[in-house]
Amino acid sequence: MTFQEFELRTIRVAGGDIRLRVGGEGPPVLLLHGHPRTHMTWGKVADLLAPFFTVVCPDLPGFGESYVPPDDPNSVHSSKEAKASALVEMMGLLGHAEFFLVGHDRGSLTAFRMAMNYPQAVRRLILVDCLPVLEHLERADWEFARDWYHWFFFAQPDKPERVISADPEGWYDKLSPDLMGEEAYTDVLAAIHRPATVHGMIEDYRAGLRIDHVHDRADRDAGRRVSCPMLCLWSLRDDLEQIYGDPVAIWKNWASDVSGFGIDSGHHVAEENPDALASAILDFLAR
């Protein structure tokens, strides 16, 4: 059982309700999950951080049991900019004007946008298995198309939701209670069986190819960078390093103070190697 002595809450922000768990004691740290997970993916890591930090784990808008942003031709309400705004609002309602920030996968994209748009709020930034959307798209080659084809499939109108909802467990066939823990597995299983949530998750990808890369390019053209100290982590048994080379070298184009290293894990690090991930977080935030 994870999330020992954490409180399950719902907070209403301008866009709708956000489900979250909060627990621990100390400076606040916000943990943002990836696709198709919910906040429950962080359970083991959250328990390790709780003796030192007030840990906040929400479902991203469009994921889990948080609100599904309304549709828009450019997916602006599912943009990382919109989600960053909603989560900064949530943290303010919790009483945290400043906080540490950790994101994984799709959650890393929202975390990156939050650090860019709200530098006064984010004290330190940790991104796991992530590059800016624009970097992915500009570097896309046949290996990216082969291994990350879902980015382009999810960008298509209507069809992804119909395919996934026809057989959710067939599409997400790597989900396992042995890997995730029974509670996290049950939670994500419920999420992928809700058509509205599936749509919300797919819109997160559509936003990447419609509007998020536009925001990235505007920042790059203006010379804006992440100003707080940043740690870049990646899974050694995933393919970020294999496809792109050194992620730290790429992130140095986007952040003024960045370091990083790989962790011995598959893609879902919080589930597969929570001890190493929690140790990396604690070490970086203690500096």
Protein backbone atom coordinates (compact mmCIF):
# COMPACT_ATOMS: atom_id res chain seq x y z
CA MET A 1 0.00 0.00 0.00
CA THR A 2 1.32 3.44 -0.95
CA PHE A 3 0.52 7.06 -0.07
CA GLN A 4 0.74 6.33 3.64
CA GLU A 5 -0.91 9.17 5.61
CA PHE A 6 -1.73 11.12 2.42
CA GLU A 7 -5.04 12.92 2.02
CA LEU A 8 -7.13 12.43 -1.13
CA ARG A 9 -8.62 15.78 -2.15
CA THR A 10 -10.44 17.56 -4.95
CA ILE A 11 -9.65 21.21 -5.66
CA ARG A 12 -11.71 23.41 -7.97
CA VAL A 13 -9.66 25.64 -10.29
CA ALA A 14 -10.96 27.84 -13.10
CA GLY A 15 -10.99 24.95 -15.57
CA GLY A 16 -12.68 22.41 -13.28
CA ASP A 17 -11.90 19.89 -10.54
CA ILE A 18 -8.42 18.46 -10.00
CA ARG A 19 -8.02 15.24 -8.01
CA LEU A 20 -4.86 15.05 -5.93
CA ARG A 21 -3.17 13.53 -2.94
CA VAL A 22 -1.14 15.58 -0.51
CA GLY A 23 0.94 14.48 2.44
CA GLY A 24 4.27 14.79 4.18
CA GLU A 25 5.91 17.72 5.90
CA GLY A 26 8.33 20.39 4.76
CA PRO A 27 8.85 22.48 1.60
CA PRO A 28 6.31 21.69 -1.14
CA VAL A 29 7.20 19.50 -4.12
CA LEU A 30 4.77 18.93 -6.99
CA LEU A 31 4.96 15.60 -8.87
CA LEU A 32 3.40 15.36 -12.36
CA HIS A 33 2.76 11.97 -13.96
CA GLY A 34 2.85 10.81 -17.57
CA HIS A 35 0.63 8.94 -20.03
CA PRO A 36 -1.55 6.95 -19.47
CA ARG A 37 -0.91 7.04 -15.73
CA THR A 38 -2.67 8.86 -12.93
CA HIS A 39 -1.12 10.43 -9.83
CA MET A 40 -1.06 6.94 -8.33
CA THR A 41 2.10 6.12 -10.30
CA TRP A 42 4.01 8.27 -7.77
CA GLY A 43 2.99 6.29 -4.67
CA LYS A 44 6.31 4.65 -3.85
CA VAL A 45 8.31 7.81 -4.55
CA ALA A 46 5.86 10.00 -2.64
CA ASP A 47 6.23 7.84 0.47
CA LEU A 48 10.03 8.18 0.28
CA LEU A 49 9.84 11.97 -0.10
CA ALA A 50 7.16 12.60 2.53
CA PRO A 51 9.51 12.68 5.58
CA PHE A 52 11.26 15.68 4.02
CA PHE A 53 8.68 17.47 1.84
CA THR A 54 5.02 18.30 1.55
CA VAL A 55 4.30 16.16 -1.51
CA VAL A 56 1.49 17.12 -3.92
CA CYS A 57 0.45 14.57 -6.57
CA PRO A 58 -2.42 15.61 -8.87
CA ASP A 59 -4.02 13.96 -11.85
CA LEU A 60 -3.09 16.17 -14.80
CA PRO A 61 -6.06 17.89 -16.46
CA GLY A 62 -7.41 15.41 -19.00
CA PHE A 63 -6.07 12.42 -17.05
CA GLY A 64 -7.33 10.25 -14.20
CA GLU A 65 -10.28 11.87 -12.46
CA SER A 66 -9.31 15.49 -13.10
CA TYR A 67 -11.38 17.66 -15.41
CA VAL A 68 -11.24 17.10 -19.16
CA PRO A 69 -10.44 20.41 -20.91
CA PRO A 70 -13.00 21.55 -23.51
CA ASP A 71 -12.25 20.96 -27.17
CA ASP A 72 -10.75 23.60 -29.41
CA PRO A 73 -9.50 23.41 -33.03
CA ASN A 74 -5.96 24.16 -31.79
CA SER A 75 -6.32 22.18 -28.54
CA VAL A 76 -5.45 25.35 -26.61
CA HIS A 77 -7.27 24.20 -23.46
CA SER A 78 -5.17 21.01 -23.46
CA SER A 79 -1.95 22.91 -24.12
CA LYS A 80 0.87 22.63 -21.63
CA GLU A 81 0.47 26.38 -21.13
CA ALA A 82 -3.15 25.93 -20.00
CA LYS A 83 -2.29 22.98 -17.77
CA ALA A 84 0.63 24.82 -16.21
CA SER A 85 -1.70 27.71 -15.38
CA ALA A 86 -4.25 25.36 -13.80
CA LEU A 87 -1.65 23.64 -11.64
CA VAL A 88 -0.05 26.89 -10.49
CA GLU A 89 -3.55 27.97 -9.50
CA MET A 90 -4.02 24.68 -7.63
CA MET A 91 -0.76 25.11 -5.75
CA GLY A 92 -1.77 28.66 -4.81
CA LEU A 93 -5.05 27.37 -3.40
CA LEU A 94 -3.02 24.91 -1.33
CA GLY A 95 -1.02 27.85 0.01
CA HIS A 96 2.16 27.26 -2.00
CA ALA A 97 3.33 30.30 -3.96
CA GLU A 98 6.73 28.63 -4.54
CA PHE A 99 7.53 24.95 -4.87
CA PHE A 100 9.89 22.33 -6.25
CA LEU A 101 8.67 20.62 -9.42
CA VAL A 102 9.14 17.11 -10.84
CA GLY A 103 7.60 15.84 -14.07
CA HIS A 104 7.71 12.57 -15.97
CA ASP A 105 6.82 11.96 -19.64
CA ARG A 106 3.77 14.13 -20.57
CA GLY A 107 3.89 15.63 -17.08
CA SER A 108 7.41 16.80 -17.83
CA LEU A 109 6.13 18.84 -20.75
CA THR A 110 3.68 20.64 -18.47
CA ALA A 111 6.43 21.06 -15.87
CA PHE A 112 8.76 22.58 -18.45
CA ARG A 113 6.08 25.04 -19.54
CA MET A 114 5.37 25.90 -15.89
CA ALA A 115 9.04 26.70 -15.27
CA MET A 116 9.15 28.86 -18.40
CA ASN A 117 5.93 30.76 -17.73
CA TYR A 118 6.07 30.98 -13.91
CA PRO A 119 9.74 31.37 -12.94
CA GLN A 120 8.71 33.05 -9.71
CA ALA A 121 6.90 29.88 -8.61
CA VAL A 122 9.32 27.07 -9.55
CA ARG A 123 12.37 26.89 -7.27
CA ARG A 124 14.02 23.83 -8.85
CA LEU A 125 12.96 21.66 -11.78
CA ILE A 126 13.42 17.94 -12.40
CA LEU A 127 12.35 16.47 -15.75
CA VAL A 128 12.34 12.73 -16.42
CA ASP A 129 12.32 11.21 -19.93
CA CYS A 130 11.58 14.50 -21.64
CA LEU A 131 12.68 17.01 -24.25
CA PRO A 132 10.74 20.05 -25.45
CA VAL A 133 8.11 19.11 -28.05
CA LEU A 134 9.87 21.27 -30.63
CA GLU A 135 13.12 19.32 -30.17
CA HIS A 136 11.31 16.04 -30.80
CA LEU A 137 9.64 17.33 -33.94
CA GLU A 138 12.71 18.98 -35.43
CA ARG A 139 14.83 15.88 -34.77
CA ALA A 140 12.21 13.38 -35.93
CA ASP A 141 13.60 10.71 -38.29
CA TRP A 142 12.66 7.16 -39.26
CA GLU A 143 13.62 5.83 -35.81
CA PHE A 144 11.35 8.37 -34.12
CA ALA A 145 8.55 7.51 -36.57
CA ARG A 146 9.02 3.80 -35.89
CA ASP A 147 9.25 3.93 -32.10
CA TRP A 148 7.15 7.02 -31.30
CA TYR A 149 4.53 6.63 -34.05
CA HIS A 150 1.78 7.12 -31.49
CA TRP A 151 2.53 10.87 -31.43
CA PHE A 152 1.33 11.14 -35.01
CA PHE A 153 -1.48 8.61 -34.69
CA PHE A 154 -2.84 10.43 -31.63
CA ALA A 155 -2.76 13.69 -33.58
CA GLN A 156 -5.41 12.37 -35.98
CA PRO A 157 -9.03 13.44 -35.38
CA ASP A 158 -11.42 10.93 -33.81
CA LYS A 159 -9.72 7.67 -34.81
CA PRO A 160 -7.37 7.22 -31.82
CA GLU A 161 -10.22 7.39 -29.30
CA ARG A 162 -12.30 4.92 -31.30
CA VAL A 163 -9.40 2.45 -31.55
CA ILE A 164 -8.41 2.71 -27.88
CA SER A 165 -11.93 2.56 -26.46
CA ALA A 166 -12.74 -0.49 -28.58
CA ASP A 167 -10.21 -2.46 -26.48
CA PRO A 168 -8.52 -0.30 -23.79
CA GLU A 169 -6.61 -3.15 -22.18
CA GLY A 170 -5.50 -4.40 -25.58
CA TRP A 171 -4.09 -0.98 -26.47
CA TYR A 172 -2.47 -0.43 -23.08
CA ASP A 173 -1.23 -4.00 -22.86
CA LYS A 174 1.87 -3.22 -20.78
CA LEU A 175 -0.11 -2.23 -17.69
CA SER A 176 0.56 -4.67 -14.87
CA PRO A 177 -0.41 -4.81 -11.18
CA ASP A 178 2.88 -6.60 -10.53
CA LEU A 179 4.79 -3.57 -11.81
CA MET A 180 2.51 -0.75 -10.64
CA GLY A 181 0.96 -2.14 -7.51
CA GLU A 182 -2.68 -3.17 -7.27
CA GLU A 183 -4.02 0.26 -6.28
CA ALA A 184 -2.31 2.15 -9.11
CA TYR A 185 -3.31 -0.55 -11.59
CA THR A 186 -6.96 -0.42 -10.57
CA ASP A 187 -6.93 3.36 -10.81
CA VAL A 188 -5.41 3.55 -14.30
CA LEU A 189 -7.62 0.71 -15.49
CA ALA A 190 -10.70 2.75 -14.57
CA ALA A 191 -9.24 5.76 -16.37
CA ILE A 192 -8.61 4.01 -19.69
CA HIS A 193 -12.18 2.63 -19.65
CA ARG A 194 -13.66 6.16 -19.47
CA PRO A 195 -14.06 7.49 -23.04
CA ALA A 196 -13.96 11.10 -21.84
CA THR A 197 -10.63 10.51 -20.11
CA VAL A 198 -9.21 8.73 -23.16
CA HIS A 199 -10.19 11.79 -25.19
CA GLY A 200 -8.53 14.08 -22.65
CA MET A 201 -5.28 12.11 -22.80
CA ILE A 202 -5.25 12.07 -26.61
CA GLU A 203 -5.90 15.82 -26.72
CA ASP A 204 -2.69 16.25 -24.70
CA TYR A 205 -0.83 14.80 -27.69
CA ARG A 206 -2.85 16.76 -30.25
CA ALA A 207 -1.92 19.93 -28.38
CA GLY A 208 1.74 19.02 -28.80
CA LEU A 209 1.50 19.02 -32.58
CA ARG A 210 -0.95 21.92 -32.78
CA ILE A 211 0.12 24.56 -30.26
CA ASP A 212 2.80 23.42 -27.78
CA HIS A 213 5.60 23.48 -30.36
CA VAL A 214 4.51 27.02 -31.29
CA HIS A 215 5.01 28.11 -27.68
CA ASP A 216 8.41 26.39 -27.62
CA ARG A 217 9.51 28.15 -30.80
CA ALA A 218 8.39 31.54 -29.50
CA ASP A 219 10.49 31.03 -26.37
CA ARG A 220 13.52 29.92 -28.35
CA ASP A 221 13.22 32.82 -30.79
CA ALA A 222 12.97 35.26 -27.88
CA GLY A 223 15.92 33.69 -26.06
CA ARG A 224 13.84 32.70 -23.03
CA ARG A 225 15.25 29.87 -20.90
CA VAL A 226 14.46 27.99 -17.71
CA SER A 227 16.08 30.19 -15.07
CA CYS A 228 15.98 27.89 -12.02
CA PRO A 229 18.41 25.01 -11.50
CA MET A 230 17.28 21.99 -13.53
CA LEU A 231 18.01 18.26 -13.34
CA CYS A 232 17.43 16.10 -16.42
CA LEU A 233 16.94 12.36 -15.79
CA TRP A 234 16.25 9.57 -18.24
CA SER A 235 15.62 5.82 -18.26
CA LEU A 236 18.63 3.85 -19.43
CA ARG A 237 16.40 1.00 -20.63
CA ASP A 238 14.16 3.34 -22.63
CA ASP A 239 15.11 5.06 -25.90
CA LEU A 240 15.54 8.79 -25.22
CA GLU A 241 19.34 8.61 -25.11
CA GLN A 242 19.50 6.04 -27.92
CA ILE A 243 17.56 8.24 -30.34
CA TYR A 244 18.81 11.71 -29.36
CA GLY A 245 22.22 11.24 -27.79
CA ASP A 246 23.00 13.25 -24.66
CA PRO A 247 19.77 14.79 -23.29
CA VAL A 248 21.72 17.17 -21.06
CA ALA A 249 23.45 18.71 -24.08
CA ILE A 250 20.06 19.36 -25.68
CA TRP A 251 18.59 20.83 -22.51
CA LYS A 252 21.50 23.26 -22.24
CA ASN A 253 19.88 25.09 -25.16
CA TRP A 254 16.78 25.64 -23.00
CA ALA A 255 18.03 26.03 -19.43
CA SER A 256 20.72 28.18 -17.85
CA ASP A 257 21.77 25.68 -15.15
CA VAL A 258 21.22 22.03 -16.09
CA SER A 259 22.78 18.73 -15.08
CA GLY A 260 21.61 15.16 -15.43
CA PHE A 261 22.18 11.42 -15.70
CA GLY A 262 20.46 8.17 -16.59
CA ILE A 263 18.72 5.80 -14.17
CA ASP A 264 18.72 2.03 -14.55
CA SER A 265 15.05 1.54 -15.37
CA GLY A 266 12.46 1.19 -18.07
CA HIS A 267 10.30 4.16 -18.98
CA HIS A 268 8.07 4.23 -15.89
CA VAL A 269 10.84 5.01 -13.43
CA ALA A 270 8.61 5.84 -10.46
CA GLU A 271 7.26 2.30 -10.57
CA GLU A 272 10.33 0.38 -11.73
CA ASN A 273 13.11 2.03 -9.70
CA PRO A 274 11.50 4.33 -7.12
CA ASP A 275 14.47 4.20 -4.76
CA ALA A 276 16.90 5.55 -7.35
CA LEU A 277 14.45 8.21 -8.51
CA ALA A 278 13.64 9.35 -4.98
CA SER A 279 17.37 9.46 -4.16
CA ALA A 280 18.05 11.63 -7.22
CA ILE A 281 15.21 13.98 -6.27
CA LEU A 282 16.33 14.28 -2.65
CA ASP A 283 19.97 14.90 -3.59
CA PHE A 284 19.10 17.62 -6.10
CA LEU A 285 16.59 19.40 -3.91
CA ALA A 286 18.98 19.41 -0.96
CA ARG A 287 21.64 21.42 -2.82
